[in-house]
Amino acid sequence: MVPKRNITDVFDEVERGKALLGVVPIENTTEGIVTHTLDMLVSSELKIYAEIMLRVSHFLINLSGKVGDIKKIYSHPQPIAQCKNWLMKNMPDVSLVDVDSTAYAAQLASRTALPPR
């Protein structure tokens, strides 16, 4: 398995023969279809081989583990949309920043310095 930064990179990797298969999201129960995946399927010769139903959970992570230390949330737009009601209720003053993937968001969180104690 080789993680890729975004859906386009997954398609590119398979189209170039660097990977036999790619796994991408197609839809979810909260936000519906993942338009980027459908757009890529239309413009690509690749076909859907199988479908996997997965339960998805989202987590807020930071170096301190304290919710009060969160000042900015980095994530892919899809999970931000899936969690919008919870975020508006529980983190109304926290800035939301779109990035290419949740994996990249986790990398950013792992590099963010802890606030002074």
PDB file of N, CA and C in Angstrom:
ATOM      1  N   MET A   1       0.839  -1.178   0.000  1.00  0.00           N
ATOM      2  CA  MET A   1       0.000   0.000   0.000  1.00  0.00           C
ATOM      3  C   MET A   1       0.882   1.238   0.000  1.00  0.00           C
ATOM      4  N   VAL A   2       0.493   2.210  -0.801  1.00  0.00           N
ATOM      5  CA  VAL A   2       1.246   3.453  -0.918  1.00  0.00           C
ATOM      6  C   VAL A   2       0.270   4.613  -0.733  1.00  0.00           C
ATOM      7  N   PRO A   3       0.380   5.344   0.368  1.00  0.00           N
ATOM      8  CA  PRO A   3      -0.536   6.476   0.566  1.00  0.00           C
ATOM      9  C   PRO A   3      -0.221   7.598  -0.418  1.00  0.00           C
ATOM     10  N   LYS A   4      -1.262   8.253  -0.881  1.00  0.00           N
ATOM     11  CA  LYS A   4      -1.112   9.381  -1.790  1.00  0.00           C
ATOM     12  C   LYS A   4      -1.732  10.604  -1.154  1.00  0.00           C
ATOM     13  N   ARG A   5      -1.312  11.774  -1.611  1.00  0.00           N
ATOM     14  CA  ARG A   5      -1.734  13.035  -0.992  1.00  0.00           C
ATOM     15  C   ARG A   5      -3.197  13.378  -1.274  1.00  0.00           C
ATOM     16  N   ASN A   6      -3.713  13.000  -2.444  1.00  0.00           N
ATOM     17  CA  ASN A   6      -5.090  13.348  -2.791  1.00  0.00           C
ATOM     18  C   ASN A   6      -5.646  12.374  -3.829  1.00  0.00           C
ATOM     19  N   ILE A   7      -6.898  12.542  -4.177  1.00  0.00           N
ATOM     20  CA  ILE A   7      -7.590  11.641  -5.101  1.00  0.00           C
ATOM     21  C   ILE A   7      -6.924  11.646  -6.476  1.00  0.00           C
ATOM     22  N   THR A   8      -6.549  12.814  -6.969  1.00  0.00           N
ATOM     23  CA  THR A   8      -5.880  12.911  -8.271  1.00  0.00           C
ATOM     24  C   THR A   8      -4.611  12.077  -8.294  1.00  0.00           C
ATOM     25  N   ASP A   9      -3.838  12.135  -7.216  1.00  0.00           N
ATOM     26  CA  ASP A   9      -2.594  11.365  -7.140  1.00  0.00           C
ATOM     27  C   ASP A   9      -2.863   9.865  -7.167  1.00  0.00           C
ATOM     28  N   VAL A  10      -3.960   9.420  -6.568  1.00  0.00           N
ATOM     29  CA  VAL A  10      -4.320   7.992  -6.605  1.00  0.00           C
ATOM     30  C   VAL A  10      -4.594   7.581  -8.046  1.00  0.00           C
ATOM     31  N   PHE A  11      -5.403   8.365  -8.744  1.00  0.00           N
ATOM     32  CA  PHE A  11      -5.695   8.061 -10.148  1.00  0.00           C
ATOM     33  C   PHE A  11      -4.416   8.051 -10.984  1.00  0.00           C
ATOM     34  N   ASP A  12      -3.568   9.050 -10.806  1.00  0.00           N
ATOM     35  CA  ASP A  12      -2.325   9.129 -11.569  1.00  0.00           C
ATOM     36  C   ASP A  12      -1.451   7.895 -11.345  1.00  0.00           C
ATOM     37  N   GLU A  13      -1.355   7.467 -10.112  1.00  0.00           N
ATOM     38  CA  GLU A  13      -0.509   6.326  -9.767  1.00  0.00           C
ATOM     39  C   GLU A  13      -0.984   5.049 -10.473  1.00  0.00           C
ATOM     40  N   VAL A  14      -2.293   4.838 -10.518  1.00  0.00           N
ATOM     41  CA  VAL A  14      -2.850   3.652 -11.181  1.00  0.00           C
ATOM     42  C   VAL A  14      -2.732   3.783 -12.697  1.00  0.00           C
ATOM     43  N   GLU A  15      -3.051   4.952 -13.235  1.00  0.00           N
ATOM     44  CA  GLU A  15      -2.975   5.152 -14.689  1.00  0.00           C
ATOM     45  C   GLU A  15      -1.561   4.962 -15.224  1.00  0.00           C
ATOM     46  N   ARG A  16      -0.555   5.336 -14.441  1.00  0.00           N
ATOM     47  CA  ARG A  16       0.841   5.182 -14.872  1.00  0.00           C
ATOM     48  C   ARG A  16       1.394   3.777 -14.613  1.00  0.00           C
ATOM     49  N   GLY A  17       0.565   2.905 -14.042  1.00  0.00           N
ATOM     50  CA  GLY A  17       0.994   1.541 -13.779  1.00  0.00           C
ATOM     51  C   GLY A  17       1.870   1.391 -12.552  1.00  0.00           C
ATOM     52  N   LYS A  18       1.951   2.425 -11.725  1.00  0.00           N
ATOM     53  CA  LYS A  18       2.747   2.359 -10.492  1.00  0.00           C
ATOM     54  C   LYS A  18       2.011   1.606  -9.394  1.00  0.00           C
ATOM     55  N   ALA A  19       0.681   1.496  -9.529  1.00  0.00           N
ATOM     56  CA  ALA A  19      -0.141   0.741  -8.569  1.00  0.00           C
ATOM     57  C   ALA A  19      -1.159  -0.069  -9.356  1.00  0.00           C
ATOM     58  N   LEU A  20      -1.468  -1.240  -8.859  1.00  0.00           N
ATOM     59  CA  LEU A  20      -2.447  -2.113  -9.524  1.00  0.00           C
ATOM     60  C   LEU A  20      -3.865  -1.604  -9.310  1.00  0.00           C
ATOM     61  N   LEU A  21      -4.157  -1.141  -8.104  1.00  0.00           N
ATOM     62  CA  LEU A  21      -5.480  -0.645  -7.744  1.00  0.00           C
ATOM     63  C   LEU A  21      -5.346   0.637  -6.934  1.00  0.00           C
ATOM     64  N   GLY A  22      -6.408   1.419  -6.902  1.00  0.00           N
ATOM     65  CA  GLY A  22      -6.466   2.604  -6.060  1.00  0.00           C
ATOM     66  C   GLY A  22      -7.753   2.594  -5.267  1.00  0.00           C
ATOM     67  N   VAL A  23      -7.716   3.125  -4.077  1.00  0.00           N
ATOM     68  CA  VAL A  23      -8.909   3.213  -3.229  1.00  0.00           C
ATOM     69  C   VAL A  23      -9.220   4.687  -3.010  1.00  0.00           C
ATOM     70  N   VAL A  24     -10.434   5.096  -3.415  1.00  0.00           N
ATOM     71  CA  VAL A  24     -10.872   6.480  -3.283  1.00  0.00           C
ATOM     72  C   VAL A  24     -12.311   6.504  -2.762  1.00  0.00           C
ATOM     73  N   PRO A  25     -12.691   7.576  -2.080  1.00  0.00           N
ATOM     74  CA  PRO A  25     -14.080   7.681  -1.601  1.00  0.00           C
ATOM     75  C   PRO A  25     -15.010   8.082  -2.744  1.00  0.00           C
ATOM     76  N   ILE A  26     -16.213   7.530  -2.730  1.00  0.00           N
ATOM     77  CA  ILE A  26     -17.197   7.885  -3.756  1.00  0.00           C
ATOM     78  C   ILE A  26     -18.363   8.658  -3.148  1.00  0.00           C
ATOM     79  N   GLU A  27     -18.816   8.228  -1.985  1.00  0.00           N
ATOM     80  CA  GLU A  27     -19.892   8.968  -1.322  1.00  0.00           C
ATOM     81  C   GLU A  27     -19.909   8.654   0.159  1.00  0.00           C
ATOM     82  N   ASN A  28     -20.630   9.505   0.901  1.00  0.00           N
ATOM     83  CA  ASN A  28     -20.814   9.255   2.323  1.00  0.00           C
ATOM     84  C   ASN A  28     -22.222   9.673   2.717  1.00  0.00           C
ATOM     85  N   THR A  29     -22.673   9.167   3.833  1.00  0.00           N
ATOM     86  CA  THR A  29     -24.065   9.394   4.226  1.00  0.00           C
ATOM     87  C   THR A  29     -24.335  10.824   4.672  1.00  0.00           C
ATOM     88  N   THR A  30     -23.333  11.548   5.102  1.00  0.00           N
ATOM     89  CA  THR A  30     -23.552  12.911   5.582  1.00  0.00           C
ATOM     90  C   THR A  30     -23.545  13.934   4.453  1.00  0.00           C
ATOM     91  N   GLU A  31     -22.553  13.878   3.595  1.00  0.00           N
ATOM     92  CA  GLU A  31     -22.370  14.897   2.561  1.00  0.00           C
ATOM     93  C   GLU A  31     -22.654  14.411   1.146  1.00  0.00           C
ATOM     94  N   GLY A  32     -23.035  13.148   0.979  1.00  0.00           N
ATOM     95  CA  GLY A  32     -23.362  12.650  -0.353  1.00  0.00           C
ATOM     96  C   GLY A  32     -22.130  12.311  -1.170  1.00  0.00           C
ATOM     97  N   ILE A  33     -22.226  12.545  -2.479  1.00  0.00           N
ATOM     98  CA  ILE A  33     -21.159  12.135  -3.390  1.00  0.00           C
ATOM     99  C   ILE A  33     -19.886  12.948  -3.176  1.00  0.00           C
ATOM    100  N   VAL A  34     -18.770  12.317  -3.474  1.00  0.00           N
ATOM    101  CA  VAL A  34     -17.482  13.005  -3.455  1.00  0.00           C
ATOM    102  C   VAL A  34     -17.214  13.410  -4.906  1.00  0.00           C
ATOM    103  N   THR A  35     -17.516  14.650  -5.224  1.00  0.00           N
ATOM    104  CA  THR A  35     -17.492  15.106  -6.615  1.00  0.00           C
ATOM    105  C   THR A  35     -16.122  14.973  -7.271  1.00  0.00           C
ATOM    106  N   HIS A  36     -15.067  15.164  -6.516  1.00  0.00           N
ATOM    107  CA  HIS A  36     -13.723  15.057  -7.109  1.00  0.00           C
ATOM    108  C   HIS A  36     -13.497  13.651  -7.656  1.00  0.00           C
ATOM    109  N   THR A  37     -13.915  12.628  -6.925  1.00  0.00           N
ATOM    110  CA  THR A  37     -13.761  11.252  -7.402  1.00  0.00           C
ATOM    111  C   THR A  37     -14.582  11.032  -8.666  1.00  0.00           C
ATOM    112  N   LEU A  38     -15.828  11.493  -8.670  1.00  0.00           N
ATOM    113  CA  LEU A  38     -16.667  11.308  -9.854  1.00  0.00           C
ATOM    114  C   LEU A  38     -16.093  12.056 -11.056  1.00  0.00           C
ATOM    115  N   ASP A  39     -15.581  13.258 -10.835  1.00  0.00           N
ATOM    116  CA  ASP A  39     -14.940  14.000 -11.927  1.00  0.00           C
ATOM    117  C   ASP A  39     -13.752  13.221 -12.489  1.00  0.00           C
ATOM    118  N   MET A  40     -12.962  12.636 -11.622  1.00  0.00           N
ATOM    119  CA  MET A  40     -11.804  11.859 -12.068  1.00  0.00           C
ATOM    120  C   MET A  40     -12.235  10.613 -12.835  1.00  0.00           C
ATOM    121  N   LEU A  41     -13.315   9.966 -12.411  1.00  0.00           N
ATOM    122  CA  LEU A  41     -13.806   8.779 -13.125  1.00  0.00           C
ATOM    123  C   LEU A  41     -14.277   9.133 -14.531  1.00  0.00           C
ATOM    124  N   VAL A  42     -14.877  10.309 -14.692  1.00  0.00           N
ATOM    125  CA  VAL A  42     -15.350  10.740 -16.008  1.00  0.00           C
ATOM    126  C   VAL A  42     -14.175  11.006 -16.955  1.00  0.00           C
ATOM    127  N   SER A  43     -13.105  11.590 -16.434  1.00  0.00           N
ATOM    128  CA  SER A  43     -11.979  11.960 -17.290  1.00  0.00           C
ATOM    129  C   SER A  43     -10.921  10.864 -17.410  1.00  0.00           C
ATOM    130  N   SER A  44     -11.119   9.750 -16.768  1.00  0.00           N
ATOM    131  CA  SER A  44     -10.135   8.675 -16.749  1.00  0.00           C
ATOM    132  C   SER A  44     -10.681   7.431 -17.451  1.00  0.00           C
ATOM    133  N   GLU A  45      -9.765   6.588 -17.903  1.00  0.00           N
ATOM    134  CA  GLU A  45     -10.148   5.287 -18.468  1.00  0.00           C
ATOM    135  C   GLU A  45     -10.340   4.233 -17.368  1.00  0.00           C
ATOM    136  N   LEU A  46      -9.996   4.581 -16.119  1.00  0.00           N
ATOM    137  CA  LEU A  46     -10.119   3.623 -15.024  1.00  0.00           C
ATOM    138  C   LEU A  46     -11.580   3.324 -14.733  1.00  0.00           C
ATOM    139  N   LYS A  47     -11.828   2.132 -14.239  1.00  0.00           N
ATOM    140  CA  LYS A  47     -13.181   1.684 -13.919  1.00  0.00           C
ATOM    141  C   LYS A  47     -13.259   1.253 -12.454  1.00  0.00           C
ATOM    142  N   ILE A  48     -14.454   1.268 -11.920  1.00  0.00           N
ATOM    143  CA  ILE A  48     -14.671   0.779 -10.547  1.00  0.00           C
ATOM    144  C   ILE A  48     -14.606  -0.737 -10.574  1.00  0.00           C
ATOM    145  N   TYR A  49     -13.785  -1.287  -9.712  1.00  0.00           N
ATOM    146  CA  TYR A  49     -13.583  -2.732  -9.633  1.00  0.00           C
ATOM    147  C   TYR A  49     -14.406  -3.346  -8.513  1.00  0.00           C
ATOM    148  N   ALA A  50     -14.526  -2.653  -7.403  1.00  0.00           N
ATOM    149  CA  ALA A  50     -15.256  -3.175  -6.247  1.00  0.00           C
ATOM    150  C   ALA A  50     -15.673  -2.008  -5.359  1.00  0.00           C
ATOM    151  N   GLU A  51     -16.554  -2.314  -4.437  1.00  0.00           N
ATOM    152  CA  GLU A  51     -17.026  -1.304  -3.488  1.00  0.00           C
ATOM    153  C   GLU A  51     -16.840  -1.843  -2.078  1.00  0.00           C
ATOM    154  N   ILE A  52     -16.403  -0.969  -1.194  1.00  0.00           N
ATOM    155  CA  ILE A  52     -16.220  -1.332   0.210  1.00  0.00           C
ATOM    156  C   ILE A  52     -16.999  -0.325   1.045  1.00  0.00           C
ATOM    157  N   MET A  53     -17.823  -0.810   1.934  1.00  0.00           N
ATOM    158  CA  MET A  53     -18.545   0.071   2.850  1.00  0.00           C
ATOM    159  C   MET A  53     -17.723   0.168   4.133  1.00  0.00           C
ATOM    160  N   LEU A  54     -17.366   1.382   4.515  1.00  0.00           N
ATOM    161  CA  LEU A  54     -16.570   1.597   5.719  1.00  0.00           C
ATOM    162  C   LEU A  54     -17.258   2.584   6.644  1.00  0.00           C
ATOM    163  N   ARG A  55     -17.182   2.314   7.922  1.00  0.00           N
ATOM    164  CA  ARG A  55     -17.613   3.290   8.911  1.00  0.00           C
ATOM    165  C   ARG A  55     -16.443   4.242   9.135  1.00  0.00           C
ATOM    166  N   VAL A  56     -16.711   5.517   9.071  1.00  0.00           N
ATOM    167  CA  VAL A  56     -15.649   6.519   9.205  1.00  0.00           C
ATOM    168  C   VAL A  56     -15.858   7.293  10.494  1.00  0.00           C
ATOM    169  N   SER A  57     -14.791   7.477  11.234  1.00  0.00           N
ATOM    170  CA  SER A  57     -14.807   8.301  12.441  1.00  0.00           C
ATOM    171  C   SER A  57     -13.793   9.418  12.256  1.00  0.00           C
ATOM    172  N   HIS A  58     -14.127  10.585  12.749  1.00  0.00           N
ATOM    173  CA  HIS A  58     -13.211  11.718  12.666  1.00  0.00           C
ATOM    174  C   HIS A  58     -12.716  12.063  14.063  1.00  0.00           C
ATOM    175  N   PHE A  59     -11.456  12.488  14.138  1.00  0.00           N
ATOM    176  CA  PHE A  59     -10.847  12.825  15.412  1.00  0.00           C
ATOM    177  C   PHE A  59     -10.132  14.162  15.306  1.00  0.00           C
ATOM    178  N   LEU A  60     -10.171  14.929  16.376  1.00  0.00           N
ATOM    179  CA  LEU A  60      -9.342  16.124  16.487  1.00  0.00           C
ATOM    180  C   LEU A  60      -8.071  15.707  17.212  1.00  0.00           C
ATOM    181  N   ILE A  61      -6.940  16.047  16.643  1.00  0.00           N
ATOM    182  CA  ILE A  61      -5.677  15.703  17.300  1.00  0.00           C
ATOM    183  C   ILE A  61      -4.797  16.934  17.382  1.00  0.00           C
ATOM    184  N   ASN A  62      -4.025  16.976  18.441  1.00  0.00           N
ATOM    185  CA  ASN A  62      -2.989  18.002  18.593  1.00  0.00           C
ATOM    186  C   ASN A  62      -1.925  17.445  19.522  1.00  0.00           C
ATOM    187  N   LEU A  63      -0.840  18.142  19.661  1.00  0.00           N
ATOM    188  CA  LEU A  63       0.272  17.624  20.456  1.00  0.00           C
ATOM    189  C   LEU A  63      -0.042  17.559  21.940  1.00  0.00           C
ATOM    190  N   SER A  64      -0.830  18.488  22.456  1.00  0.00           N
ATOM    191  CA  SER A  64      -1.097  18.494  23.897  1.00  0.00           C
ATOM    192  C   SER A  64      -2.230  17.553  24.283  1.00  0.00           C
ATOM    193  N   GLY A  65      -3.122  17.255  23.343  1.00  0.00           N
ATOM    194  CA  GLY A  65      -4.282  16.425  23.663  1.00  0.00           C
ATOM    195  C   GLY A  65      -5.399  17.206  24.336  1.00  0.00           C
ATOM    196  N   LYS A  66      -5.231  18.513  24.467  1.00  0.00           N
ATOM    197  CA  LYS A  66      -6.235  19.353  25.132  1.00  0.00           C
ATOM    198  C   LYS A  66      -7.022  20.138  24.087  1.00  0.00           C
ATOM    199  N   VAL A  67      -8.343  20.020  24.138  1.00  0.00           N
ATOM    200  CA  VAL A  67      -9.209  20.715  23.188  1.00  0.00           C
ATOM    201  C   VAL A  67      -9.006  22.221  23.271  1.00  0.00           C
ATOM    202  N   GLY A  68      -8.778  22.747  24.447  1.00  0.00           N
ATOM    203  CA  GLY A  68      -8.602  24.180  24.626  1.00  0.00           C
ATOM    204  C   GLY A  68      -7.380  24.752  23.921  1.00  0.00           C
ATOM    205  N   ASP A  69      -6.426  23.895  23.576  1.00  0.00           N
ATOM    206  CA  ASP A  69      -5.229  24.353  22.874  1.00  0.00           C
ATOM    207  C   ASP A  69      -5.435  24.482  21.366  1.00  0.00           C
ATOM    208  N   ILE A  70      -6.576  24.017  20.869  1.00  0.00           N
ATOM    209  CA  ILE A  70      -6.828  24.044  19.422  1.00  0.00           C
ATOM    210  C   ILE A  70      -7.255  25.449  19.012  1.00  0.00           C
ATOM    211  N   LYS A  71      -6.478  26.054  18.144  1.00  0.00           N
ATOM    212  CA  LYS A  71      -6.761  27.410  17.651  1.00  0.00           C
ATOM    213  C   LYS A  71      -7.148  27.403  16.177  1.00  0.00           C
ATOM    214  N   LYS A  72      -6.739  26.360  15.467  1.00  0.00           N
ATOM    215  CA  LYS A  72      -6.980  26.243  14.038  1.00  0.00           C
ATOM    216  C   LYS A  72      -7.155  24.760  13.723  1.00  0.00           C
ATOM    217  N   ILE A  73      -8.110  24.431  12.849  1.00  0.00           N
ATOM    218  CA  ILE A  73      -8.331  23.042  12.450  1.00  0.00           C
ATOM    219  C   ILE A  73      -8.007  22.918  10.970  1.00  0.00           C
ATOM    220  N   TYR A  74      -7.051  22.044  10.661  1.00  0.00           N
ATOM    221  CA  TYR A  74      -6.679  21.742   9.281  1.00  0.00           C
ATOM    222  C   TYR A  74      -7.328  20.419   8.897  1.00  0.00           C
ATOM    223  N   SER A  75      -8.006  20.379   7.753  1.00  0.00           N
ATOM    224  CA  SER A  75      -8.577  19.131   7.264  1.00  0.00           C
ATOM    225  C   SER A  75      -8.960  19.272   5.800  1.00  0.00           C
ATOM    226  N   HIS A  76      -9.246  18.156   5.199  1.00  0.00           N
ATOM    227  CA  HIS A  76      -9.792  18.150   3.845  1.00  0.00           C
ATOM    228  C   HIS A  76     -11.216  18.714   3.921  1.00  0.00           C
ATOM    229  N   PRO A  77     -11.690  19.404   2.894  1.00  0.00           N
ATOM    230  CA  PRO A  77     -13.030  20.002   2.936  1.00  0.00           C
ATOM    231  C   PRO A  77     -14.166  19.006   3.196  1.00  0.00           C
ATOM    232  N   GLN A  78     -14.008  17.763   2.743  1.00  0.00           N
ATOM    233  CA  GLN A  78     -15.077  16.769   2.933  1.00  0.00           C
ATOM    234  C   GLN A  78     -15.338  16.474   4.414  1.00  0.00           C
ATOM    235  N   PRO A  79     -14.321  16.127   5.209  1.00  0.00           N
ATOM    236  CA  PRO A  79     -14.577  15.904   6.632  1.00  0.00           C
ATOM    237  C   PRO A  79     -15.031  17.169   7.363  1.00  0.00           C
ATOM    238  N   ILE A  80     -14.532  18.326   6.938  1.00  0.00           N
ATOM    239  CA  ILE A  80     -15.008  19.563   7.562  1.00  0.00           C
ATOM    240  C   ILE A  80     -16.514  19.682   7.338  1.00  0.00           C
ATOM    241  N   ALA A  81     -16.959  19.397   6.130  1.00  0.00           N
ATOM    242  CA  ALA A  81     -18.393  19.446   5.828  1.00  0.00           C
ATOM    243  C   ALA A  81     -19.160  18.385   6.613  1.00  0.00           C
ATOM    244  N   GLN A  82     -18.594  17.199   6.739  1.00  0.00           N
ATOM    245  CA  GLN A  82     -19.254  16.114   7.470  1.00  0.00           C
ATOM    246  C   GLN A  82     -19.411  16.446   8.948  1.00  0.00           C
ATOM    247  N   CYS A  83     -18.506  17.236   9.474  1.00  0.00           N
ATOM    248  CA  CYS A  83     -18.505  17.567  10.899  1.00  0.00           C
ATOM    249  C   CYS A  83     -19.003  18.981  11.185  1.00  0.00           C
ATOM    250  N   LYS A  84     -19.558  19.653  10.195  1.00  0.00           N
ATOM    251  CA  LYS A  84     -19.871  21.076  10.331  1.00  0.00           C
ATOM    252  C   LYS A  84     -20.785  21.381  11.513  1.00  0.00           C
ATOM    253  N   ASN A  85     -21.798  20.569  11.750  1.00  0.00           N
ATOM    254  CA  ASN A  85     -22.704  20.839  12.872  1.00  0.00           C
ATOM    255  C   ASN A  85     -21.972  20.741  14.209  1.00  0.00           C
ATOM    256  N   TRP A  86     -21.169  19.707  14.379  1.00  0.00           N
ATOM    257  CA  TRP A  86     -20.411  19.533  15.614  1.00  0.00           C
ATOM    258  C   TRP A  86     -19.417  20.676  15.784  1.00  0.00           C
ATOM    259  N   LEU A  87     -18.734  21.036  14.701  1.00  0.00           N
ATOM    260  CA  LEU A  87     -17.742  22.115  14.767  1.00  0.00           C
ATOM    261  C   LEU A  87     -18.392  23.451  15.118  1.00  0.00           C
ATOM    262  N   MET A  88     -19.536  23.761  14.518  1.00  0.00           N
ATOM    263  CA  MET A  88     -20.221  25.030  14.830  1.00  0.00           C
ATOM    264  C   MET A  88     -20.656  25.071  16.287  1.00  0.00           C
ATOM    265  N   LYS A  89     -21.088  23.930  16.814  1.00  0.00           N
ATOM    266  CA  LYS A  89     -21.566  23.877  18.203  1.00  0.00           C
ATOM    267  C   LYS A  89     -20.413  23.884  19.203  1.00  0.00           C
ATOM    268  N   ASN A  90     -19.361  23.133  18.936  1.00  0.00           N
ATOM    269  CA  ASN A  90     -18.305  22.906  19.916  1.00  0.00           C
ATOM    270  C   ASN A  90     -17.027  23.720  19.711  1.00  0.00           C
ATOM    271  N   MET A  91     -16.798  24.219  18.502  1.00  0.00           N
ATOM    272  CA  MET A  91     -15.563  24.952  18.199  1.00  0.00           C
ATOM    273  C   MET A  91     -15.884  26.193  17.367  1.00  0.00           C
ATOM    274  N   PRO A  92     -16.839  27.007  17.789  1.00  0.00           N
ATOM    275  CA  PRO A  92     -17.306  28.112  16.937  1.00  0.00           C
ATOM    276  C   PRO A  92     -16.252  29.178  16.645  1.00  0.00           C
ATOM    277  N   ASP A  93     -15.263  29.334  17.498  1.00  0.00           N
ATOM    278  CA  ASP A  93     -14.259  30.383  17.311  1.00  0.00           C
ATOM    279  C   ASP A  93     -12.945  29.874  16.733  1.00  0.00           C
ATOM    280  N   VAL A  94     -12.915  28.600  16.352  1.00  0.00           N
ATOM    281  CA  VAL A  94     -11.693  28.012  15.808  1.00  0.00           C
ATOM    282  C   VAL A  94     -11.706  28.139  14.285  1.00  0.00           C
ATOM    283  N   SER A  95     -10.611  28.603  13.721  1.00  0.00           N
ATOM    284  CA  SER A  95     -10.487  28.746  12.269  1.00  0.00           C
ATOM    285  C   SER A  95     -10.398  27.378  11.611  1.00  0.00           C
ATOM    286  N   LEU A  96     -11.070  27.244  10.462  1.00  0.00           N
ATOM    287  CA  LEU A  96     -11.026  26.007   9.679  1.00  0.00           C
ATOM    288  C   LEU A  96     -10.207  26.262   8.423  1.00  0.00           C
ATOM    289  N   VAL A  97      -9.233  25.394   8.152  1.00  0.00           N
ATOM    290  CA  VAL A  97      -8.334  25.562   7.012  1.00  0.00           C
ATOM    291  C   VAL A  97      -8.386  24.307   6.148  1.00  0.00           C
ATOM    292  N   ASP A  98      -8.749  24.478   4.878  1.00  0.00           N
ATOM    293  CA  ASP A  98      -8.783  23.364   3.936  1.00  0.00           C
ATOM    294  C   ASP A  98      -7.376  22.981   3.496  1.00  0.00           C
ATOM    295  N   VAL A  99      -7.097  21.670   3.520  1.00  0.00           N
ATOM    296  CA  VAL A  99      -5.844  21.128   2.994  1.00  0.00           C
ATOM    297  C   VAL A  99      -6.181  19.940   2.102  1.00  0.00           C
ATOM    298  N   ASP A 100      -5.171  19.390   1.428  1.00  0.00           N
ATOM    299  CA  ASP A 100      -5.396  18.327   0.446  1.00  0.00           C
ATOM    300  C   ASP A 100      -5.929  17.022   1.015  1.00  0.00           C
ATOM    301  N   SER A 101      -5.585  16.710   2.250  1.00  0.00           N
ATOM    302  CA  SER A 101      -6.020  15.422   2.815  1.00  0.00           C
ATOM    303  C   SER A 101      -5.978  15.471   4.337  1.00  0.00           C
ATOM    304  N   THR A 102      -6.696  14.545   4.953  1.00  0.00           N
ATOM    305  CA  THR A 102      -6.658  14.446   6.412  1.00  0.00           C
ATOM    306  C   THR A 102      -5.282  13.955   6.874  1.00  0.00           C
ATOM    307  N   ALA A 103      -4.635  13.139   6.058  1.00  0.00           N
ATOM    308  CA  ALA A 103      -3.283  12.681   6.408  1.00  0.00           C
ATOM    309  C   ALA A 103      -2.318  13.862   6.452  1.00  0.00           C
ATOM    310  N   TYR A 104      -2.441  14.759   5.476  1.00  0.00           N
ATOM    311  CA  TYR A 104      -1.587  15.948   5.476  1.00  0.00           C
ATOM    312  C   TYR A 104      -1.916  16.839   6.673  1.00  0.00           C
ATOM    313  N   ALA A 105      -3.184  16.941   7.018  1.00  0.00           N
ATOM    314  CA  ALA A 105      -3.587  17.723   8.193  1.00  0.00           C
ATOM    315  C   ALA A 105      -2.937  17.157   9.457  1.00  0.00           C
ATOM    316  N   ALA A 106      -2.894  15.839   9.568  1.00  0.00           N
ATOM    317  CA  ALA A 106      -2.260  15.210  10.732  1.00  0.00           C
ATOM    318  C   ALA A 106      -0.763  15.511  10.768  1.00  0.00           C
ATOM    319  N   GLN A 107      -0.128  15.533   9.603  1.00  0.00           N
ATOM    320  CA  GLN A 107       1.292  15.886   9.547  1.00  0.00           C
ATOM    321  C   GLN A 107       1.506  17.322  10.028  1.00  0.00           C
ATOM    322  N   LEU A 108       0.637  18.223   9.597  1.00  0.00           N
ATOM    323  CA  LEU A 108       0.742  19.607  10.058  1.00  0.00           C
ATOM    324  C   LEU A 108       0.563  19.706  11.572  1.00  0.00           C
ATOM    325  N   ALA A 109      -0.403  18.982  12.101  1.00  0.00           N
ATOM    326  CA  ALA A 109      -0.650  19.001  13.545  1.00  0.00           C
ATOM    327  C   ALA A 109       0.553  18.452  14.301  1.00  0.00           C
ATOM    328  N   SER A 110       1.230  17.485  13.749  1.00  0.00           N
ATOM    329  CA  SER A 110       2.386  16.891  14.451  1.00  0.00           C
ATOM    330  C   SER A 110       3.576  17.838  14.483  1.00  0.00           C
ATOM    331  N   ARG A 111       3.592  18.844  13.607  1.00  0.00           N
ATOM    332  CA  ARG A 111       4.704  19.793  13.552  1.00  0.00           C
ATOM    333  C   ARG A 111       4.417  21.093  14.278  1.00  0.00           C
ATOM    334  N   THR A 112       3.196  21.301  14.697  1.00  0.00           N
ATOM    335  CA  THR A 112       2.825  22.545  15.341  1.00  0.00           C
ATOM    336  C   THR A 112       3.370  22.569  16.761  1.00  0.00           C
ATOM    337  N   ALA A 113       4.015  23.634  17.104  1.00  0.00           N
ATOM    338  CA  ALA A 113       4.639  23.752  18.437  1.00  0.00           C
ATOM    339  C   ALA A 113       3.569  23.826  19.524  1.00  0.00           C
ATOM    340  N   LEU A 114       3.881  23.244  20.653  1.00  0.00           N
ATOM    341  CA  LEU A 114       3.005  23.343  21.814  1.00  0.00           C
ATOM    342  C   LEU A 114       3.007  24.775  22.342  1.00  0.00           C
ATOM    343  N   PRO A 115       1.865  25.238  22.820  1.00  0.00           N
ATOM    344  CA  PRO A 115       1.843  26.588  23.413  1.00  0.00           C
ATOM    345  C   PRO A 115       2.631  26.607  24.709  1.00  0.00           C
ATOM    346  N   PRO A 116       3.169  27.755  25.095  1.00  0.00           N
ATOM    347  CA  PRO A 116       3.903  27.832  26.375  1.00  0.00           C
ATOM    348  C   PRO A 116       2.973  27.529  27.534  1.00  0.00           C
ATOM    349  N   ARG A 117       3.516  26.916  28.579  1.00  0.00           N
ATOM    350  CA  ARG A 117       2.703  26.531  29.748  1.00  0.00           C
ATOM    351  C   ARG A 117       2.705  27.622  30.782  1.00  0.00           C
TER     352      ARG A 117
END
